[in-house]
Structure formats: structure tokens, C-alpha cells
């Protein structure tokens, strides 16, 4: 098993998403599967290259079973 380093929080959606995923041991592939999003889209959210739509954000929140504040600050 490869250990992933915990990301350093910087207050952006990308870092908050990575933190929430890390806390739940979710990979980009697993989050993509759980939400129905493309894995490349999830990777773009995680890297900060894209910001999710409201609909995608709801899917992410539901899959991670977290509060809005945990993803949006």
C-alpha cells in the first residue's frame, strides 16, 4: 500500500477536497466512481485546474458524506 502525504491546507477548494478525501481514504478513482464523474474531472478539481458546478459539488459532498463547510470553508 502506498502512503499518501497529507496535503497542506491553503483554504482553496482543491486543498479542502484533498483533505476531505484523505480523511476518508478516497482516491480520485473511487470518488469518480461514487459520484459518476470522470476521473480526469476529479483530478482537475483536486489540482485546482477546475472548479465544480453546484451539481457536481453536491455529488462530491454526498459521496464523501461531509458538510458544505468542509469543502467550501
N, C-alpha and C. Protein backbone atom coordinates (compact mmCIF):
# COMPACT_ATOMS: atom_id res chain seq x y z
N UNK A 1 0.84 -1.18 0.00
CA UNK A 1 0.00 0.00 0.00
C UNK A 1 0.89 1.25 0.00
N UNK A 2 0.58 2.16 -0.85
CA UNK A 2 1.34 3.41 -0.94
C UNK A 2 0.72 4.42 0.01
N UNK A 3 1.53 5.01 0.84
CA UNK A 3 1.03 6.04 1.76
C UNK A 3 1.04 7.39 1.07
N UNK A 4 -0.08 8.05 1.12
CA UNK A 4 -0.17 9.39 0.54
C UNK A 4 0.14 10.41 1.61
N UNK A 5 0.85 11.44 1.23
CA UNK A 5 1.15 12.50 2.18
C UNK A 5 -0.08 13.37 2.37
N UNK A 6 -0.26 13.84 3.58
CA UNK A 6 -1.38 14.72 3.87
C UNK A 6 -1.09 16.08 3.25
N UNK A 7 -2.04 16.60 2.45
CA UNK A 7 -1.82 17.91 1.83
C UNK A 7 -1.79 19.04 2.85
N UNK A 8 -1.08 20.07 2.52
CA UNK A 8 -1.00 21.25 3.36
C UNK A 8 -2.21 22.13 3.05
N UNK A 9 -3.05 22.45 4.05
CA UNK A 9 -4.24 23.25 3.77
C UNK A 9 -3.88 24.68 3.39
N UNK A 10 -4.53 25.17 2.35
CA UNK A 10 -4.31 26.56 1.95
C UNK A 10 -5.62 27.31 1.75
N UNK A 11 -6.74 26.68 2.08
CA UNK A 11 -8.03 27.35 2.02
C UNK A 11 -8.71 27.32 0.66
N UNK A 12 -8.09 26.73 -0.35
CA UNK A 12 -8.72 26.65 -1.65
C UNK A 12 -9.62 25.41 -1.71
N UNK A 13 -10.55 25.41 -2.66
CA UNK A 13 -11.41 24.25 -2.80
C UNK A 13 -10.58 22.99 -3.05
N UNK A 14 -9.56 23.09 -3.89
CA UNK A 14 -8.74 21.92 -4.21
C UNK A 14 -8.11 21.33 -2.95
N UNK A 15 -7.55 22.15 -2.11
CA UNK A 15 -6.90 21.63 -0.90
C UNK A 15 -7.94 21.09 0.08
N UNK A 16 -9.09 21.72 0.15
CA UNK A 16 -10.13 21.23 1.06
C UNK A 16 -10.70 19.90 0.57
N UNK A 17 -10.82 19.76 -0.76
CA UNK A 17 -11.26 18.49 -1.33
C UNK A 17 -10.24 17.40 -1.03
N UNK A 18 -8.97 17.69 -1.25
CA UNK A 18 -7.93 16.70 -0.97
C UNK A 18 -7.93 16.30 0.50
N UNK A 19 -8.11 17.27 1.39
CA UNK A 19 -8.15 16.97 2.83
C UNK A 19 -9.32 16.06 3.16
N UNK A 20 -10.49 16.36 2.61
CA UNK A 20 -11.68 15.55 2.87
C UNK A 20 -11.50 14.14 2.32
N UNK A 21 -10.90 14.04 1.15
CA UNK A 21 -10.64 12.73 0.56
C UNK A 21 -9.62 11.96 1.38
N UNK A 22 -8.57 12.63 1.82
CA UNK A 22 -7.53 11.99 2.62
C UNK A 22 -8.12 11.45 3.93
N UNK A 23 -8.97 12.24 4.56
CA UNK A 23 -9.56 11.84 5.84
C UNK A 23 -10.43 10.59 5.70
N UNK A 24 -10.95 10.36 4.51
CA UNK A 24 -11.83 9.22 4.27
C UNK A 24 -11.17 8.12 3.44
N UNK A 25 -9.89 8.30 3.16
CA UNK A 25 -9.10 7.35 2.38
C UNK A 25 -9.72 7.12 0.99
N UNK A 26 -10.12 8.20 0.35
CA UNK A 26 -10.68 8.16 -1.00
C UNK A 26 -9.59 8.51 -2.01
N UNK A 27 -9.55 7.75 -3.10
CA UNK A 27 -8.70 8.10 -4.23
C UNK A 27 -9.55 8.85 -5.25
N UNK A 28 -8.90 9.44 -6.23
CA UNK A 28 -9.65 10.13 -7.29
C UNK A 28 -10.54 9.13 -8.03
N UNK A 29 -10.01 7.94 -8.24
CA UNK A 29 -10.77 6.91 -8.94
C UNK A 29 -12.02 6.51 -8.17
N UNK A 30 -11.89 6.36 -6.86
CA UNK A 30 -13.04 5.98 -6.04
C UNK A 30 -14.08 7.10 -6.01
N UNK A 31 -13.62 8.35 -5.86
CA UNK A 31 -14.56 9.46 -5.84
C UNK A 31 -15.27 9.58 -7.19
N UNK A 32 -14.55 9.36 -8.27
CA UNK A 32 -15.17 9.40 -9.59
C UNK A 32 -16.25 8.33 -9.71
N UNK A 33 -15.94 7.14 -9.24
CA UNK A 33 -16.91 6.05 -9.29
C UNK A 33 -18.15 6.39 -8.46
N UNK A 34 -17.94 6.87 -7.23
CA UNK A 34 -19.05 7.16 -6.32
C UNK A 34 -19.95 8.31 -6.81
N UNK A 35 -19.36 9.25 -7.54
CA UNK A 35 -20.11 10.43 -7.99
C UNK A 35 -20.61 10.32 -9.42
N UNK A 36 -20.04 9.42 -10.20
CA UNK A 36 -20.39 9.33 -11.60
C UNK A 36 -19.64 10.34 -12.46
N UNK A 37 -18.67 11.03 -11.86
CA UNK A 37 -17.86 12.00 -12.60
C UNK A 37 -16.69 11.27 -13.25
N UNK A 38 -16.13 11.86 -14.27
CA UNK A 38 -14.95 11.31 -14.92
C UNK A 38 -13.74 11.49 -13.99
N UNK A 39 -12.85 10.51 -13.97
CA UNK A 39 -11.68 10.59 -13.09
C UNK A 39 -10.80 11.78 -13.46
N UNK A 40 -10.73 12.14 -14.73
CA UNK A 40 -9.95 13.32 -15.13
C UNK A 40 -10.56 14.60 -14.58
N UNK A 41 -11.87 14.65 -14.48
CA UNK A 41 -12.55 15.81 -13.90
C UNK A 41 -12.22 15.92 -12.41
N UNK A 42 -12.27 14.78 -11.71
CA UNK A 42 -11.94 14.78 -10.28
C UNK A 42 -10.49 15.22 -10.09
N UNK A 43 -9.58 14.72 -10.91
CA UNK A 43 -8.18 15.14 -10.81
C UNK A 43 -8.03 16.64 -11.06
N UNK A 44 -8.80 17.18 -11.99
CA UNK A 44 -8.75 18.62 -12.27
C UNK A 44 -9.26 19.42 -11.06
N UNK A 45 -10.28 18.92 -10.37
CA UNK A 45 -10.76 19.58 -9.14
C UNK A 45 -9.67 19.53 -8.07
N UNK A 46 -9.03 18.38 -7.94
CA UNK A 46 -8.01 18.20 -6.91
C UNK A 46 -6.77 19.06 -7.16
N UNK A 47 -6.48 19.33 -8.41
CA UNK A 47 -5.29 20.13 -8.73
C UNK A 47 -5.59 21.62 -8.79
N UNK A 48 -6.86 21.98 -8.75
CA UNK A 48 -7.23 23.39 -8.81
C UNK A 48 -7.39 23.92 -10.22
N UNK A 49 -7.33 23.03 -11.21
CA UNK A 49 -7.47 23.46 -12.60
C UNK A 49 -8.92 23.74 -12.97
N UNK A 50 -9.84 23.12 -12.26
CA UNK A 50 -11.27 23.34 -12.50
C UNK A 50 -11.97 23.49 -11.17
N UNK A 51 -13.14 24.14 -11.21
CA UNK A 51 -14.00 24.28 -10.05
C UNK A 51 -15.32 23.61 -10.39
N UNK A 52 -15.86 22.79 -9.49
CA UNK A 52 -17.08 22.05 -9.82
C UNK A 52 -18.31 22.94 -9.89
N UNK A 53 -19.27 22.48 -10.69
CA UNK A 53 -20.58 23.12 -10.72
C UNK A 53 -21.30 22.76 -9.42
N UNK A 54 -22.41 23.40 -9.16
CA UNK A 54 -23.17 23.10 -7.96
C UNK A 54 -23.61 21.63 -7.94
N UNK A 55 -24.05 21.12 -9.09
CA UNK A 55 -24.49 19.73 -9.16
C UNK A 55 -23.37 18.76 -8.86
N UNK A 56 -22.19 19.02 -9.40
CA UNK A 56 -21.03 18.16 -9.13
C UNK A 56 -20.60 18.27 -7.68
N UNK A 57 -20.67 19.47 -7.14
CA UNK A 57 -20.31 19.68 -5.74
C UNK A 57 -21.23 18.90 -4.81
N UNK A 58 -22.52 18.87 -5.13
CA UNK A 58 -23.47 18.08 -4.32
C UNK A 58 -23.13 16.61 -4.38
N UNK A 59 -22.78 16.11 -5.57
CA UNK A 59 -22.41 14.70 -5.70
C UNK A 59 -21.17 14.38 -4.87
N UNK A 60 -20.20 15.28 -4.90
CA UNK A 60 -18.97 15.09 -4.12
C UNK A 60 -19.28 15.09 -2.63
N UNK A 61 -20.08 16.06 -2.20
CA UNK A 61 -20.44 16.15 -0.78
C UNK A 61 -21.19 14.90 -0.33
N UNK A 62 -22.10 14.43 -1.15
CA UNK A 62 -22.86 13.22 -0.78
C UNK A 62 -21.96 11.99 -0.74
N UNK A 63 -21.05 11.86 -1.70
CA UNK A 63 -20.16 10.70 -1.74
C UNK A 63 -19.21 10.69 -0.54
N UNK A 64 -18.72 11.86 -0.16
CA UNK A 64 -17.79 11.95 0.97
C UNK A 64 -18.51 12.03 2.31
N UNK A 65 -19.84 12.20 2.26
CA UNK A 65 -20.66 12.31 3.47
C UNK A 65 -20.08 13.36 4.42
N UNK A 66 -19.97 14.59 3.89
CA UNK A 66 -19.40 15.68 4.67
C UNK A 66 -20.30 16.90 4.59
N UNK A 67 -20.00 17.87 5.41
CA UNK A 67 -20.74 19.13 5.43
C UNK A 67 -20.18 20.07 4.36
N UNK A 68 -21.00 21.04 3.98
CA UNK A 68 -20.57 22.04 2.99
C UNK A 68 -19.30 22.75 3.47
N UNK A 69 -19.25 23.09 4.74
CA UNK A 69 -18.12 23.84 5.29
C UNK A 69 -16.79 23.11 5.11
N UNK A 70 -16.84 21.79 5.15
CA UNK A 70 -15.62 21.03 5.00
C UNK A 70 -15.04 21.15 3.59
N UNK A 71 -15.91 21.37 2.61
CA UNK A 71 -15.44 21.54 1.23
C UNK A 71 -15.26 22.99 0.82
N UNK A 72 -16.05 23.86 1.42
CA UNK A 72 -16.04 25.27 0.97
C UNK A 72 -15.43 26.24 1.96
N UNK A 73 -15.24 25.80 3.17
CA UNK A 73 -14.60 26.67 4.15
C UNK A 73 -15.51 27.55 4.92
